C-alpha atoms as a PDB file:
ATOM      1  CA  MET A   1       6.265 -26.708 -39.751  1.00  0.00           C
ATOM      2  CA  THR A   2       3.124 -25.722 -37.908  1.00  0.00           C
ATOM      3  CA  GLU A   3       0.303 -23.849 -39.597  1.00  0.00           C
ATOM      4  CA  VAL A   4      -0.385 -20.814 -37.384  1.00  0.00           C
ATOM      5  CA  LEU A   5      -3.548 -18.745 -37.735  1.00  0.00           C
ATOM      6  CA  PHE A   6      -4.019 -15.305 -36.212  1.00  0.00           C
ATOM      7  CA  TYR A   7      -7.657 -14.297 -35.652  1.00  0.00           C
ATOM      8  CA  HIS A   8      -8.071 -10.556 -35.079  1.00  0.00           C
ATOM      9  CA  LEU A   9     -11.317 -10.043 -33.170  1.00  0.00           C
ATOM     10  CA  THR A  10     -12.872  -6.738 -34.190  1.00  0.00           C
ATOM     11  CA  LEU A  11     -16.614  -7.389 -34.131  1.00  0.00           C
ATOM     12  CA  HIS A  12     -17.441 -10.278 -31.803  1.00  0.00           C
ATOM     13  CA  PRO A  13     -15.769 -11.123 -28.486  1.00  0.00           C
ATOM     14  CA  LEU A  14     -13.856 -14.310 -27.766  1.00  0.00           C
ATOM     15  CA  GLU A  15     -16.832 -15.826 -25.959  1.00  0.00           C
ATOM     16  CA  GLU A  16     -18.854 -15.733 -29.184  1.00  0.00           C
ATOM     17  CA  VAL A  17     -16.065 -16.861 -31.513  1.00  0.00           C
ATOM     18  CA  LEU A  18     -14.215 -19.594 -29.631  1.00  0.00           C
ATOM     19  CA  PRO A  19     -17.076 -22.128 -29.317  1.00  0.00           C
ATOM     20  CA  GLY A  20     -17.681 -22.177 -33.069  1.00  0.00           C
ATOM     21  CA  LEU A  21     -14.003 -22.669 -33.839  1.00  0.00           C
ATOM     22  CA  LEU A  22     -13.806 -25.491 -31.298  1.00  0.00           C
ATOM     23  CA  GLU A  23     -16.918 -27.126 -32.784  1.00  0.00           C
ATOM     24  CA  THR A  24     -15.223 -27.106 -36.189  1.00  0.00           C
ATOM     25  CA  CYS A  25     -12.139 -28.789 -34.707  1.00  0.00           C
ATOM     26  CA  LEU A  26     -14.236 -31.498 -33.074  1.00  0.00           C
ATOM     27  CA  GLN A  27     -16.162 -32.095 -36.315  1.00  0.00           C
ATOM     28  CA  ARG A  28     -12.776 -32.801 -37.913  1.00  0.00           C
ATOM     29  CA  ASP A  29     -11.876 -35.188 -35.054  1.00  0.00           C
ATOM     30  CA  TRP A  30      -9.035 -32.931 -33.899  1.00  0.00           C
ATOM     31  CA  ARG A  31      -7.968 -32.928 -30.263  1.00  0.00           C
ATOM     32  CA  VAL A  32      -7.493 -29.406 -28.928  1.00  0.00           C
ATOM     33  CA  VAL A  33      -5.836 -27.609 -26.057  1.00  0.00           C
ATOM     34  CA  VAL A  34      -6.928 -24.040 -25.240  1.00  0.00           C
ATOM     35  CA  GLN A  35      -4.282 -22.060 -23.370  1.00  0.00           C
ATOM     36  CA  THR A  36      -5.564 -19.009 -21.510  1.00  0.00           C
ATOM     37  CA  GLY A  37      -3.699 -16.083 -20.010  1.00  0.00           C
ATOM     38  CA  SER A  38      -4.872 -16.777 -16.441  1.00  0.00           C
ATOM     39  CA  SER A  39      -6.491 -19.410 -14.250  1.00  0.00           C
ATOM     40  CA  GLU A  40      -9.525 -17.152 -13.798  1.00  0.00           C
ATOM     41  CA  ARG A  41     -10.062 -16.961 -17.548  1.00  0.00           C
ATOM     42  CA  CYS A  42      -9.627 -20.723 -17.814  1.00  0.00           C
ATOM     43  CA  ALA A  43     -12.412 -21.211 -15.247  1.00  0.00           C
ATOM     44  CA  ALA A  44     -14.665 -18.716 -17.045  1.00  0.00           C
ATOM     45  CA  LEU A  45     -14.218 -20.469 -20.404  1.00  0.00           C
ATOM     46  CA  ASP A  46     -14.824 -23.829 -18.725  1.00  0.00           C
ATOM     47  CA  SER A  47     -18.200 -22.554 -17.546  1.00  0.00           C
ATOM     48  CA  LEU A  48     -19.001 -20.957 -20.912  1.00  0.00           C
ATOM     49  CA  LEU A  49     -18.391 -24.138 -22.901  1.00  0.00           C
ATOM     50  CA  TRP A  50     -20.959 -26.043 -20.835  1.00  0.00           C
ATOM     51  CA  SER A  51     -23.682 -23.475 -21.428  1.00  0.00           C
ATOM     52  CA  TYR A  52     -22.959 -21.344 -24.499  1.00  0.00           C
ATOM     53  CA  ARG A  53     -25.952 -22.842 -26.360  1.00  0.00           C
ATOM     54  CA  ASP A  54     -29.209 -24.274 -25.061  1.00  0.00           C
ATOM     55  CA  ASP A  55     -29.074 -27.250 -27.431  1.00  0.00           C
ATOM     56  CA  ALA A  56     -25.398 -28.193 -27.196  1.00  0.00           C
ATOM     57  CA  PHE A  57     -22.216 -28.222 -25.182  1.00  0.00           C
ATOM     58  CA  LEU A  58     -18.593 -28.774 -26.042  1.00  0.00           C
ATOM     59  CA  PRO A  59     -17.024 -31.819 -24.381  1.00  0.00           C
ATOM     60  CA  HIS A  60     -14.011 -30.495 -22.525  1.00  0.00           C
ATOM     61  CA  GLY A  61     -12.202 -30.491 -19.231  1.00  0.00           C
ATOM     62  CA  THR A  62      -9.501 -28.967 -17.048  1.00  0.00           C
ATOM     63  CA  SER A  63      -6.984 -30.398 -14.607  1.00  0.00           C
ATOM     64  CA  ALA A  64      -9.643 -30.009 -11.893  1.00  0.00           C
ATOM     65  CA  ASP A  65     -11.841 -32.531 -13.716  1.00  0.00           C
ATOM     66  CA  GLY A  66      -9.204 -35.246 -13.927  1.00  0.00           C
ATOM     67  CA  ARG A  67      -8.852 -37.697 -16.811  1.00  0.00           C
ATOM     68  CA  GLU A  68      -7.004 -35.018 -18.752  1.00  0.00           C
ATOM     69  CA  ALA A  69      -5.762 -37.455 -21.403  1.00  0.00           C
ATOM     70  CA  MET A  70      -9.354 -38.293 -22.369  1.00  0.00           C
ATOM     71  CA  GLN A  71     -10.527 -34.710 -22.953  1.00  0.00           C
ATOM     72  CA  PRO A  72     -11.178 -33.808 -26.622  1.00  0.00           C
ATOM     73  CA  VAL A  73     -10.782 -30.148 -25.614  1.00  0.00           C
ATOM     74  CA  TYR A  74      -8.500 -29.401 -22.686  1.00  0.00           C
ATOM     75  CA  LEU A  75      -8.417 -25.953 -21.047  1.00  0.00           C
ATOM     76  CA  THR A  76      -5.278 -24.775 -19.264  1.00  0.00           C
ATOM     77  CA  ASP A  77      -3.395 -21.657 -18.274  1.00  0.00           C
ATOM     78  CA  GLY A  78      -0.066 -23.443 -18.764  1.00  0.00           C
ATOM     79  CA  GLN A  79       2.024 -25.156 -21.409  1.00  0.00           C
ATOM     80  CA  ASP A  80       0.677 -28.663 -20.696  1.00  0.00           C
ATOM     81  CA  THR A  81      -0.928 -30.818 -23.388  1.00  0.00           C
ATOM     82  CA  PRO A  82      -2.033 -34.005 -21.611  1.00  0.00           C
ATOM     83  CA  ASN A  83      -4.674 -34.927 -24.203  1.00  0.00           C
ATOM     84  CA  GLY A  84      -2.291 -35.335 -27.156  1.00  0.00           C
ATOM     85  CA  ALA A  85      -3.817 -32.327 -28.932  1.00  0.00           C
ATOM     86  CA  THR A  86      -2.710 -31.486 -32.446  1.00  0.00           C
ATOM     87  CA  VAL A  87      -4.260 -27.993 -32.291  1.00  0.00           C
ATOM     88  CA  ARG A  88      -3.335 -25.351 -29.710  1.00  0.00           C
ATOM     89  CA  PHE A  89      -5.467 -22.222 -29.214  1.00  0.00           C
ATOM     90  CA  LEU A  90      -3.892 -19.259 -27.436  1.00  0.00           C
ATOM     91  CA  VAL A  91      -6.285 -16.680 -26.005  1.00  0.00           C
ATOM     92  CA  ASP A  92      -6.116 -13.665 -23.700  1.00  0.00           C
ATOM     93  CA  ARG A  93      -2.461 -12.973 -24.383  1.00  0.00           C
ATOM     94  CA  ALA A  94      -1.363 -16.475 -23.408  1.00  0.00           C
ATOM     95  CA  VAL A  95       2.368 -16.899 -23.920  1.00  0.00           C
ATOM     96  CA  PRO A  96       3.064 -19.671 -26.423  1.00  0.00           C
ATOM     97  CA  GLY A  97       5.679 -22.300 -25.938  1.00  0.00           C
ATOM     98  CA  ASP A  98       7.083 -24.375 -28.760  1.00  0.00           C
ATOM     99  CA  LEU A  99       4.352 -24.793 -31.389  1.00  0.00           C
ATOM    100  CA  SER A 100       6.305 -27.224 -33.562  1.00  0.00           C
ATOM    101  CA  PRO A 101       4.686 -30.348 -32.003  1.00  0.00           C
ATOM    102  CA  PHE A 102       1.260 -29.122 -33.203  1.00  0.00           C
ATOM    103  CA  THR A 103      -0.307 -29.337 -36.632  1.00  0.00           C
ATOM    104  CA  ARG A 104      -2.012 -26.004 -36.048  1.00  0.00           C
ATOM    105  CA  GLY A 105      -1.649 -23.069 -33.665  1.00  0.00           C
ATOM    106  CA  VAL A 106      -4.448 -20.509 -33.368  1.00  0.00           C
ATOM    107  CA  PHE A 107      -4.061 -17.080 -31.775  1.00  0.00           C
ATOM    108  CA  LEU A 108      -7.253 -15.173 -30.986  1.00  0.00           C
ATOM    109  CA  PHE A 109      -6.655 -11.578 -29.972  1.00  0.00           C
ATOM    110  CA  ASP A 110      -8.847  -8.573 -29.165  1.00  0.00           C
ATOM    111  CA  GLY A 111      -8.376  -5.831 -31.736  1.00  0.00           C
ATOM    112  CA  SER A 112      -9.483  -3.165 -29.249  1.00  0.00           C
ATOM    113  CA  ASP A 113      -6.643  -4.044 -26.841  1.00  0.00           C
ATOM    114  CA  PRO A 114      -3.413  -2.348 -27.998  1.00  0.00           C
ATOM    115  CA  GLU A 115      -1.260  -4.647 -25.851  1.00  0.00           C
ATOM    116  CA  ALA A 116      -2.917  -7.756 -27.317  1.00  0.00           C
ATOM    117  CA  VAL A 117      -2.337  -6.434 -30.842  1.00  0.00           C
ATOM    118  CA  SER A 118       1.298  -5.684 -30.017  1.00  0.00           C
ATOM    119  CA  ASP A 119       1.758  -9.178 -28.547  1.00  0.00           C
ATOM    120  CA  ALA A 120       0.234 -10.745 -31.664  1.00  0.00           C
ATOM    121  CA  ARG A 121       2.623  -8.785 -33.882  1.00  0.00           C
ATOM    122  CA  GLY A 122       5.553  -9.984 -31.801  1.00  0.00           C
ATOM    123  CA  HIS A 123       4.385 -13.608 -32.008  1.00  0.00           C
ATOM    124  CA  TRP A 124       3.891 -13.238 -35.770  1.00  0.00           C
ATOM    125  CA  LYS A 125       7.428 -11.964 -36.257  1.00  0.00           C
ATOM    126  CA  ARG A 126       8.994 -14.685 -34.078  1.00  0.00           C
ATOM    127  CA  LEU A 127       6.986 -17.542 -35.599  1.00  0.00           C
ATOM    128  CA  LYS A 128       7.636 -16.349 -39.142  1.00  0.00           C
ATOM    129  CA  GLY A 129      11.338 -16.322 -38.332  1.00  0.00           C
ATOM    130  CA  GLU A 130      11.039 -19.912 -37.114  1.00  0.00           C
ATOM    131  CA  GLY A 131       9.620 -20.899 -40.510  1.00  0.00           C
ATOM    132  CA  HIS A 132       6.013 -21.615 -39.563  1.00  0.00           C
ATOM    133  CA  GLU A 133       3.246 -21.120 -42.151  1.00  0.00           C
ATOM    134  CA  LEU A 134       1.257 -18.059 -41.000  1.00  0.00           C
ATOM    135  CA  THR A 135      -2.113 -16.629 -41.987  1.00  0.00           C
ATOM    136  CA  TYR A 136      -3.911 -13.577 -40.637  1.00  0.00           C
ATOM    137  CA  TRP A 137      -7.715 -13.391 -40.448  1.00  0.00           C
ATOM    138  CA  GLN A 138      -9.879 -10.426 -39.517  1.00  0.00           C
ATOM    139  CA  GLN A 139     -13.598 -10.181 -38.828  1.00  0.00           C
ATOM    140  CA  ALA A 140     -15.521  -8.381 -41.560  1.00  0.00           C
ATOM    141  CA  ASP A 141     -18.574  -6.208 -40.896  1.00  0.00           C
ATOM    142  CA  THR A 142     -20.713  -9.264 -41.651  1.00  0.00           C
ATOM    143  CA  GLY A 143     -18.977 -11.249 -38.893  1.00  0.00           C
ATOM    144  CA  ARG A 144     -17.344 -13.616 -41.378  1.00  0.00           C
ATOM    145  CA  TRP A 145     -13.594 -14.113 -41.428  1.00  0.00           C
ATOM    146  CA  GLU A 146     -11.542 -12.539 -44.200  1.00  0.00           C
ATOM    147  CA  ARG A 147      -7.999 -13.621 -44.899  1.00  0.00           C
ATOM    148  CA  LYS A 148      -5.798 -10.538 -44.940  1.00  0.00           C
ATOM    149  CA  ALA A 149      -2.349 -12.157 -45.122  1.00  0.00           C
END
């Protein structure tokens, strides 16, 4: 079954957390798809990943860029996975499809958004019932991740 991680954002916003997690995936030679909740958010993250640091960028693309199969990180607001990703990130209340084809699924949700928290709880319950291996991580006051479940 798929290993599914839930990251509860309480201290830093998605824009500060996502690039570091994607960098870790690329360092491990993992191909990634990031599914957003809307096309507008997909475009905003596309822009962010080109400029989030002065000394680096994350190689990525969207359907607008073409050559989707070649992208190490592919951004979408749909269920597509044209790059053969083994890791799927779900952000901004994106609705997951079947996660069983992936080695890892990663939910990032805003702890200050009650609807996002409720959605995450619903996904947790469903995925646990499907037999996936689940872990829950929360940001500590230091900004580091602490495993809570």
